[in-house]
Amino acid sequence: MSRRASLPGASELFRITSSPALDLPPQPPQAPPEPAEKAKPAGNGRTEQLARSAAPHGSGRTKHDAKITVYVSGDELVAMEQARLTLRAKHDLVVDRGRLVREAVAVLLADFDQNGEESVLVQRLRVVGSDGGETEG
């Protein structure tokens, strides 16, 4: 006697069942959507900040097609968790670390686009050396 449970196969799990949506008459084909306006090269040769202007806020909980890995110090991780817990406790906002990072990046990039040389990003990167350590002086 086998101790293994009998489970349905993939074909049984993903089979098409009747549904009111499937019983509707076929719709006539629609014209394809117009292509989005392409980014135009800026005067300095870079493309416009299309992603930034298209999403002034973080993208939230959606399926993302790109991934990066960011290493943070223990203190930075604790600060991020404390901010996340404060958002939950005092503002009734339940967010994960990814959402918190996406929103922070969106705010920082929006400030950079708007203020350029005077932005928080430029000011902070001038203080921090190329190796990520504080510069002297």
C-alpha atoms as a PDB file:
ATOM      1  CA  MET A   1       0.000   0.000   0.000  1.00  0.00           C
ATOM      2  CA  SER A   2       1.460   3.337  -1.095  1.00  0.00           C
ATOM      3  CA  ARG A   3       1.701   6.190   1.391  1.00  0.00           C
ATOM      4  CA  ARG A   4       1.808   8.743  -1.402  1.00  0.00           C
ATOM      5  CA  ALA A   5      -1.307  10.827  -1.999  1.00  0.00           C
ATOM      6  CA  SER A   6      -2.926  10.617  -5.412  1.00  0.00           C
ATOM      7  CA  LEU A   7      -2.975  14.079  -7.000  1.00  0.00           C
ATOM      8  CA  PRO A   8      -4.560  15.237 -10.256  1.00  0.00           C
ATOM      9  CA  GLY A   9      -2.302  15.827 -13.242  1.00  0.00           C
ATOM     10  CA  ALA A  10      -1.658  19.162 -14.921  1.00  0.00           C
ATOM     11  CA  SER A  11      -4.149  18.415 -17.702  1.00  0.00           C
ATOM     12  CA  GLU A  12      -6.902  17.982 -15.123  1.00  0.00           C
ATOM     13  CA  LEU A  13      -5.941  21.105 -13.195  1.00  0.00           C
ATOM     14  CA  PHE A  14      -5.733  23.373 -16.231  1.00  0.00           C
ATOM     15  CA  ARG A  15      -8.579  22.040 -18.319  1.00  0.00           C
ATOM     16  CA  ILE A  16     -11.105  24.432 -19.831  1.00  0.00           C
ATOM     17  CA  THR A  17     -14.433  24.421 -18.061  1.00  0.00           C
ATOM     18  CA  SER A  18     -17.667  26.020 -19.150  1.00  0.00           C
ATOM     19  CA  SER A  19     -18.069  29.597 -18.086  1.00  0.00           C
ATOM     20  CA  PRO A  20     -20.405  32.452 -19.046  1.00  0.00           C
ATOM     21  CA  ALA A  21     -17.430  34.318 -20.519  1.00  0.00           C
ATOM     22  CA  LEU A  22     -16.728  31.402 -22.869  1.00  0.00           C
ATOM     23  CA  ASP A  23     -20.361  31.217 -24.006  1.00  0.00           C
ATOM     24  CA  LEU A  24     -20.418  34.797 -25.381  1.00  0.00           C
ATOM     25  CA  PRO A  25     -20.569  35.270 -29.173  1.00  0.00           C
ATOM     26  CA  PRO A  26     -17.193  36.023 -30.754  1.00  0.00           C
ATOM     27  CA  GLN A  27     -16.264  39.705 -30.938  1.00  0.00           C
ATOM     28  CA  PRO A  28     -15.104  41.287 -34.204  1.00  0.00           C
ATOM     29  CA  PRO A  29     -11.341  41.861 -34.314  1.00  0.00           C
ATOM     30  CA  GLN A  30     -10.248  45.251 -33.034  1.00  0.00           C
ATOM     31  CA  ALA A  31      -7.574  47.455 -34.501  1.00  0.00           C
ATOM     32  CA  PRO A  32      -4.233  47.118 -32.728  1.00  0.00           C
ATOM     33  CA  PRO A  33      -3.533  49.873 -30.194  1.00  0.00           C
ATOM     34  CA  GLU A  34      -1.495  52.832 -31.366  1.00  0.00           C
ATOM     35  CA  PRO A  35       2.197  52.477 -30.473  1.00  0.00           C
ATOM     36  CA  ALA A  36       3.379  54.592 -27.569  1.00  0.00           C
ATOM     37  CA  GLU A  37       5.340  57.684 -28.440  1.00  0.00           C
ATOM     38  CA  LYS A  38       8.991  56.777 -28.716  1.00  0.00           C
ATOM     39  CA  ALA A  39      11.590  58.541 -26.627  1.00  0.00           C
ATOM     40  CA  LYS A  40      13.393  61.245 -28.559  1.00  0.00           C
ATOM     41  CA  PRO A  41      17.121  61.756 -28.059  1.00  0.00           C
ATOM     42  CA  ALA A  42      17.892  64.697 -25.822  1.00  0.00           C
ATOM     43  CA  GLY A  43      20.424  67.328 -26.741  1.00  0.00           C
ATOM     44  CA  ASN A  44      23.163  65.431 -24.893  1.00  0.00           C
ATOM     45  CA  GLY A  45      22.493  62.163 -26.789  1.00  0.00           C
ATOM     46  CA  ARG A  46      20.647  60.401 -23.969  1.00  0.00           C
ATOM     47  CA  THR A  47      17.076  59.247 -24.446  1.00  0.00           C
ATOM     48  CA  GLU A  48      14.422  61.059 -22.478  1.00  0.00           C
ATOM     49  CA  GLN A  49      13.659  59.671 -19.054  1.00  0.00           C
ATOM     50  CA  LEU A  50      10.609  57.824 -20.414  1.00  0.00           C
ATOM     51  CA  ALA A  51      10.305  55.406 -17.518  1.00  0.00           C
ATOM     52  CA  ARG A  52      10.468  58.213 -14.986  1.00  0.00           C
ATOM     53  CA  SER A  53       7.886  60.390 -16.694  1.00  0.00           C
ATOM     54  CA  ALA A  54       5.601  57.422 -17.327  1.00  0.00           C
ATOM     55  CA  ALA A  55       5.679  56.338 -13.683  1.00  0.00           C
ATOM     56  CA  PRO A  56       6.061  59.343 -11.356  1.00  0.00           C
ATOM     57  CA  HIS A  57       5.275  57.021  -8.475  1.00  0.00           C
ATOM     58  CA  GLY A  58       6.747  53.637  -7.673  1.00  0.00           C
ATOM     59  CA  SER A  59       5.196  50.860  -9.695  1.00  0.00           C
ATOM     60  CA  GLY A  60       3.608  49.191  -6.674  1.00  0.00           C
ATOM     61  CA  ARG A  61       2.680  45.541  -6.552  1.00  0.00           C
ATOM     62  CA  THR A  62       2.726  44.623 -10.202  1.00  0.00           C
ATOM     63  CA  LYS A  63       4.561  42.013 -12.219  1.00  0.00           C
ATOM     64  CA  HIS A  64       7.997  43.414 -12.921  1.00  0.00           C
ATOM     65  CA  ASP A  65      10.106  42.366 -15.879  1.00  0.00           C
ATOM     66  CA  ALA A  66      13.488  43.472 -14.545  1.00  0.00           C
ATOM     67  CA  LYS A  67      15.343  42.663 -11.363  1.00  0.00           C
ATOM     68  CA  ILE A  68      18.381  44.066  -9.628  1.00  0.00           C
ATOM     69  CA  THR A  69      20.153  42.983  -6.490  1.00  0.00           C
ATOM     70  CA  VAL A  70      21.136  45.680  -4.021  1.00  0.00           C
ATOM     71  CA  TYR A  71      23.333  45.020  -1.030  1.00  0.00           C
ATOM     72  CA  VAL A  72      22.692  47.113   2.068  1.00  0.00           C
ATOM     73  CA  SER A  73      24.402  47.307   5.438  1.00  0.00           C
ATOM     74  CA  GLY A  74      22.790  45.851   8.518  1.00  0.00           C
ATOM     75  CA  ASP A  75      22.016  49.351   9.782  1.00  0.00           C
ATOM     76  CA  GLU A  76      20.349  50.294   6.488  1.00  0.00           C
ATOM     77  CA  LEU A  77      18.243  47.147   6.586  1.00  0.00           C
ATOM     78  CA  VAL A  78      17.168  47.818  10.178  1.00  0.00           C
ATOM     79  CA  ALA A  79      16.285  51.425   9.263  1.00  0.00           C
ATOM     80  CA  MET A  80      14.246  50.189   6.291  1.00  0.00           C
ATOM     81  CA  GLU A  81      12.390  47.667   8.453  1.00  0.00           C
ATOM     82  CA  GLN A  82      11.715  50.329  11.097  1.00  0.00           C
ATOM     83  CA  ALA A  83      10.316  52.640   8.423  1.00  0.00           C
ATOM     84  CA  ARG A  84       8.185  49.816   7.058  1.00  0.00           C
ATOM     85  CA  LEU A  85       6.832  49.019  10.525  1.00  0.00           C
ATOM     86  CA  THR A  86       6.184  52.705  11.254  1.00  0.00           C
ATOM     87  CA  LEU A  87       4.248  53.003   7.990  1.00  0.00           C
ATOM     88  CA  ARG A  88       2.154  50.064   9.106  1.00  0.00           C
ATOM     89  CA  ALA A  89       1.644  51.119  12.731  1.00  0.00           C
ATOM     90  CA  LYS A  90       1.080  54.858  12.339  1.00  0.00           C
ATOM     91  CA  HIS A  91      -0.205  55.230   8.784  1.00  0.00           C
ATOM     92  CA  ASP A  92      -2.027  51.927   8.127  1.00  0.00           C
ATOM     93  CA  LEU A  93       0.169  51.327   5.048  1.00  0.00           C
ATOM     94  CA  VAL A  94       1.273  47.735   4.603  1.00  0.00           C
ATOM     95  CA  VAL A  95       4.214  47.699   2.202  1.00  0.00           C
ATOM     96  CA  ASP A  96       6.988  45.242   1.517  1.00  0.00           C
ATOM     97  CA  ARG A  97      10.651  46.197   1.182  1.00  0.00           C
ATOM     98  CA  GLY A  98      10.508  46.099  -2.612  1.00  0.00           C
ATOM     99  CA  ARG A  99       7.650  48.586  -2.718  1.00  0.00           C
ATOM    100  CA  LEU A 100       9.427  50.816  -0.222  1.00  0.00           C
ATOM    101  CA  VAL A 101      12.571  50.816  -2.373  1.00  0.00           C
ATOM    102  CA  ARG A 102      10.628  51.459  -5.616  1.00  0.00           C
ATOM    103  CA  GLU A 103       8.851  54.447  -4.040  1.00  0.00           C
ATOM    104  CA  ALA A 104      12.123  55.830  -2.654  1.00  0.00           C
ATOM    105  CA  VAL A 105      13.776  55.495  -6.064  1.00  0.00           C
ATOM    106  CA  ALA A 106      10.803  57.176  -7.766  1.00  0.00           C
ATOM    107  CA  VAL A 107      10.943  60.127  -5.350  1.00  0.00           C
ATOM    108  CA  LEU A 108      14.702  60.492  -5.731  1.00  0.00           C
ATOM    109  CA  LEU A 109      14.582  60.343  -9.546  1.00  0.00           C
ATOM    110  CA  ALA A 110      11.675  62.805  -9.720  1.00  0.00           C
ATOM    111  CA  ASP A 111      13.671  65.235  -7.570  1.00  0.00           C
ATOM    112  CA  PHE A 112      16.699  64.706  -9.847  1.00  0.00           C
ATOM    113  CA  ASP A 113      14.617  65.367 -12.985  1.00  0.00           C
ATOM    114  CA  GLN A 114      13.103  68.507 -11.494  1.00  0.00           C
ATOM    115  CA  ASN A 115      16.120  69.993  -9.714  1.00  0.00           C
ATOM    116  CA  GLY A 116      19.144  68.554 -11.550  1.00  0.00           C
ATOM    117  CA  GLU A 117      22.288  70.068 -10.050  1.00  0.00           C
ATOM    118  CA  GLU A 118      20.449  71.058  -6.859  1.00  0.00           C
ATOM    119  CA  SER A 119      18.797  67.664  -6.363  1.00  0.00           C
ATOM    120  CA  VAL A 120      19.238  65.566  -3.252  1.00  0.00           C
ATOM    121  CA  LEU A 121      20.840  62.826  -5.361  1.00  0.00           C
ATOM    122  CA  VAL A 122      23.569  65.076  -6.770  1.00  0.00           C
ATOM    123  CA  GLN A 123      24.238  66.670  -3.393  1.00  0.00           C
ATOM    124  CA  ARG A 124      24.541  63.306  -1.616  1.00  0.00           C
ATOM    125  CA  LEU A 125      26.690  61.748  -4.343  1.00  0.00           C
ATOM    126  CA  ARG A 126      29.074  64.677  -4.140  1.00  0.00           C
ATOM    127  CA  VAL A 127      29.567  63.995  -0.425  1.00  0.00           C
ATOM    128  CA  VAL A 128      30.051  60.251  -0.920  1.00  0.00           C
ATOM    129  CA  GLY A 129      33.216  59.122  -2.700  1.00  0.00           C
ATOM    130  CA  SER A 130      33.277  56.767  -5.690  1.00  0.00           C
ATOM    131  CA  ASP A 131      33.918  53.812  -3.381  1.00  0.00           C
ATOM    132  CA  GLY A 132      30.789  54.617  -1.369  1.00  0.00           C
ATOM    133  CA  GLY A 133      32.747  55.962   1.612  1.00  0.00           C
ATOM    134  CA  GLU A 134      32.564  59.464   2.970  1.00  0.00           C
ATOM    135  CA  THR A 135      34.970  61.889   1.339  1.00  0.00           C
ATOM    136  CA  GLU A 136      37.220  64.003   3.483  1.00  0.00           C
ATOM    137  CA  GLY A 137      37.224  67.730   3.324  1.00  0.00           C
END
